[in-house]
Amino acid sequence: MDGRHARGHAAAAFAPTRSSIALFMWGDYIEDFLAPLDLALSDFGNMTGGWAFGFVDALQRAGWRPVILCVSRGVQRPTRFTHRDSGTPLWAIPSSKLYGTLRTLFGDRLSAEWQSSTWARNLGSVIRYTNLDRAVLESVLRNEQCAAILVQEYEYARFDSLSRVARRCGIPLLATFQGGDAPWSSLEAAIRRRTVARAAGLIIAAGAERERVLATYRIPEDRIARIPNPVNTEFWRAEDRAQARTALSIPATARVVFTHGRIEIWRKGLDRLLDAWAQVVARVDGDVRLVLVGAGRDDEAFQTLLDSEAPEHVHWQRLYTTDRPLMRRWLSAADLYVSASRIEGMAVAPLEALSCSLPIVATDASGMKDIVPGEGSGGVLVPQDGGDVAGDLANAMVRFLKDDAYRRRIGAAGRIWVEERFSVQAVSQALDDFLRRRLNV
């Protein structure tokens, strides 16, 4: 990626086009997301999938022009790259000098030991409110003539800061829910009642989260759009199963359960997934395999967990890959997809599995309830409140692994479900309608 730099413009010269939408990524630094995956800023322009690049695809198909923005510790001035697959402008901007100094001084305490008290959380929020260099950001928005800002998550200090930037630029602010379902501190909670009320609209696919937002912030229902993260069903389509298994050296008789994504033990429920898998191995004869592909901040802890519990037939490929054909091959070769998450927003990985006709067993974390509300949508959900979650996960997995006809029937239903509700085409139309209504174009 070859970057170029922005020059500022006077506020009065800002004349936004009707088609450019700034997509603002999560994180005080984009490296907070990339580093645990062993990725660098240069890799970001080659990434695909996830909510952001799904929305890029949906926006482009509807005739909008997306512009991706993130804050990076790797640049000294705003630098413009180009996303490889979509041609979308991608801006990396530096944080404010004050935030850089405070981040150096306080480091990981912003998210670790400072979680323990009210005053510490509020101080952490104050520091995060210094993150943006507003003048630099406004310059980039003017350069790209953005008509609106769509930010990842509204329950973060970033959203409040962007509310002020949007007002100064005279453009609307919107946000999408991807899992952040509570303010970090009492200070943020107080500020957010005003910033959410001023937002032009929120995109929330998860039903439980919509109910919480309506009850907490008392905003009109027509400001909330029930638009899911899209999946490219043209790409995510099952390959020939036998050929996929041959390429991956998987025997035809093996039973394969697959999952992929960030390695975060508590959030992704990897501890209880291993508990459930031990029960599956004891109840299903023959060659059964749990394959995990992913990396993240808990890599070392997860390896320790694997070593201590010594679960049988677990194959972990410790990498975060942007190789979509490889992931499609795994989804085509597997018998079942599993998610044991305790918290989910509107996950894209399960949608990719469903699109490849792969049935799902998952916990009923918030976003999953809207992805798989029943067997007719391609899978089975296990309740998290009370009971034996690991045992229930195991029971559901065992049924799929022992009943091929059931597995094929539910997998075929999942493909139809995704095509009708989560395809880029369906999301593109819904997103276009919402933006035109909320931006008055």
Foldseek 3Di string as FASTA:
>chain_A
DDKDAFDFDDLVLQAADPAEEEEEEDDLAVCQVAVQQVHDPVCVLAFADDQPNLVCLLSVVLPHAYAYEGEHPPDPAWIWDARPPRRHIYIYGHWDPQLVVVCVVCPPCLPPPLLPDQVSLVVSLVSSLRGHPLSRVLRVCRVNSHQEYEYEDLQHSVLLSVLVSCVSSVHAYEYEYWFPQHHSHPVSLVSSLVSVQRHLAYEAQFPVSLVVCCVSNVHDPLRYHNFARFDALVLLAADAQVVLCVVVVHDPPEAEEEEEDEPDCQQQVVVLLLVLVLVLPVPDDDHYAYEYEYGGPCVVVVVVVCVVVVRPRYHYHHHDDSPVVNVSSVLNNHLAYETEGQTTGQDDRVLSSLSHLHAYEYAPHRNVCSQDVDLLQGYYYDYDPDDRRSNVSNVRVNVSRVDVVSSNVSSVSNNVNSVVRRHSNNSSVSVSVSSCVSSVD
